[in-house]
Amino acid sequence: MTRPSLGVLAIFAIALSVSAYFTFAAVQGDFGLFRRAEIAVERDMLAQELASLKVELARMENHTRRLSDEFLDLDLLDQQARDLLGLVRSDEIVVN
């Protein structure tokens, strides 16, 4: 029975090491599977944040339009002025 030469064992060991390195990099590396999953979760969170910011932006645009010179909502103006100045009308009850 002949034993494999040392060169064949060295090539096999190098090939196995290179394969293990690339497998590890494919799973754990900067562009690996785990990082891809983290990016997908982050994308979903940012999409939810974007949706909530769009709702907030629409609300602010509506308030801005209602307080503009072309369209003045007197009820909103009264509410904003009383909130800002801390005033109440004589027929209102203040609850702290």
Protein backbone atom coordinates (compact mmCIF):
# COMPACT_ATOMS: atom_id res chain seq x y z
CA MET A 1 0.00 0.00 0.00
CA THR A 2 1.41 3.34 -1.01
CA ARG A 3 0.99 6.43 1.07
CA PRO A 4 -0.06 9.67 -0.62
CA SER A 5 2.79 12.04 -1.12
CA LEU A 6 3.24 15.10 1.05
CA GLY A 7 2.55 17.41 -1.92
CA VAL A 8 -0.92 15.91 -2.50
CA LEU A 9 -1.78 16.30 1.18
CA ALA A 10 -0.57 19.92 1.13
CA ILE A 11 -2.67 20.75 -1.94
CA PHE A 12 -5.70 19.08 -0.35
CA ALA A 13 -5.17 21.04 2.89
CA ILE A 14 -4.80 24.33 0.99
CA ALA A 15 -7.91 23.61 -1.08
CA LEU A 16 -9.87 22.75 2.04
CA SER A 17 -8.68 25.93 3.79
CA VAL A 18 -9.58 28.13 0.81
CA SER A 19 -13.02 26.49 0.57
CA ALA A 20 -13.62 27.02 4.30
CA TYR A 21 -12.57 30.68 4.01
CA PHE A 22 -14.89 31.41 1.10
CA THR A 23 -17.76 29.57 2.80
CA PHE A 24 -17.24 31.61 5.95
CA ALA A 25 -17.04 34.85 3.90
CA ALA A 26 -20.24 33.95 2.04
CA VAL A 27 -22.11 33.53 5.32
CA GLN A 28 -20.47 36.01 7.72
CA GLY A 29 -18.74 38.55 5.46
CA ASP A 30 -19.72 42.13 4.58
CA PHE A 31 -21.81 40.85 1.67
CA GLY A 32 -22.79 37.53 3.27
CA LEU A 33 -26.14 35.99 4.04
CA PHE A 34 -26.37 37.36 7.59
CA ARG A 35 -25.60 40.90 6.43
CA ARG A 36 -28.19 40.55 3.69
CA ALA A 37 -30.81 39.58 6.29
CA GLU A 38 -29.84 42.59 8.45
CA ILE A 39 -30.19 44.88 5.44
CA ALA A 40 -33.65 43.46 4.67
CA VAL A 41 -34.82 44.11 8.24
CA GLU A 42 -33.35 47.62 8.17
CA ARG A 43 -35.07 48.27 4.82
CA ASP A 44 -38.44 47.25 6.29
CA MET A 45 -37.93 49.48 9.34
CA LEU A 46 -36.97 52.43 7.15
CA ALA A 47 -40.00 51.83 4.93
CA GLN A 48 -42.27 52.00 7.99
CA GLU A 49 -40.53 55.17 9.16
CA LEU A 50 -40.95 56.69 5.70
CA ALA A 51 -44.65 55.89 5.73
CA SER A 52 -45.14 57.52 9.13
CA LEU A 53 -43.13 60.57 8.02
CA LYS A 54 -45.30 60.88 4.91
CA VAL A 55 -48.42 60.89 7.10
CA GLU A 56 -46.86 63.54 9.36
CA LEU A 57 -45.86 65.60 6.32
CA ALA A 58 -49.40 65.43 4.92
CA ARG A 59 -50.79 66.56 8.28
CA MET A 60 -48.37 69.49 8.45
CA GLU A 61 -49.08 70.49 4.85
CA ASN A 62 -52.81 70.44 5.65
CA HIS A 63 -52.31 72.70 8.68
CA THR A 64 -50.08 75.02 6.65
CA ARG A 65 -52.66 75.23 3.88
CA ARG A 66 -55.44 75.88 6.38
CA LEU A 67 -53.46 78.77 7.92
CA SER A 68 -52.40 80.29 4.59
CA ASP A 69 -53.63 83.58 3.17
CA GLU A 70 -55.70 81.88 0.45
CA PHE A 71 -57.57 79.61 2.87
CA LEU A 72 -57.94 80.68 6.47
CA ASP A 73 -59.58 78.25 8.89
CA LEU A 74 -60.74 80.44 11.77
CA ASP A 75 -61.27 77.51 14.13
CA LEU A 76 -57.72 76.28 13.59
CA LEU A 77 -56.36 79.81 13.93
CA ASP A 78 -58.28 80.23 17.21
CA GLN A 79 -56.98 76.90 18.52
CA GLN A 80 -53.39 77.69 17.57
CA ALA A 81 -53.52 81.16 19.09
CA ARG A 82 -55.01 79.90 22.36
CA ASP A 83 -52.46 77.06 22.57
CA LEU A 84 -49.59 79.43 21.89
CA LEU A 85 -50.74 82.22 24.20
CA GLY A 86 -52.27 79.98 26.87
CA LEU A 87 -55.62 81.78 26.76
CA VAL A 88 -59.10 80.39 27.37
CA ARG A 89 -62.53 81.75 26.63
CA SER A 90 -64.92 82.73 29.41
CA ASP A 91 -67.29 79.83 28.64
CA GLU A 92 -64.55 77.14 28.83
CA ILE A 93 -63.59 75.01 31.82
CA VAL A 94 -59.88 74.33 32.34
CA VAL A 95 -58.96 70.85 33.56
CA ASN A 96 -55.40 70.25 34.78
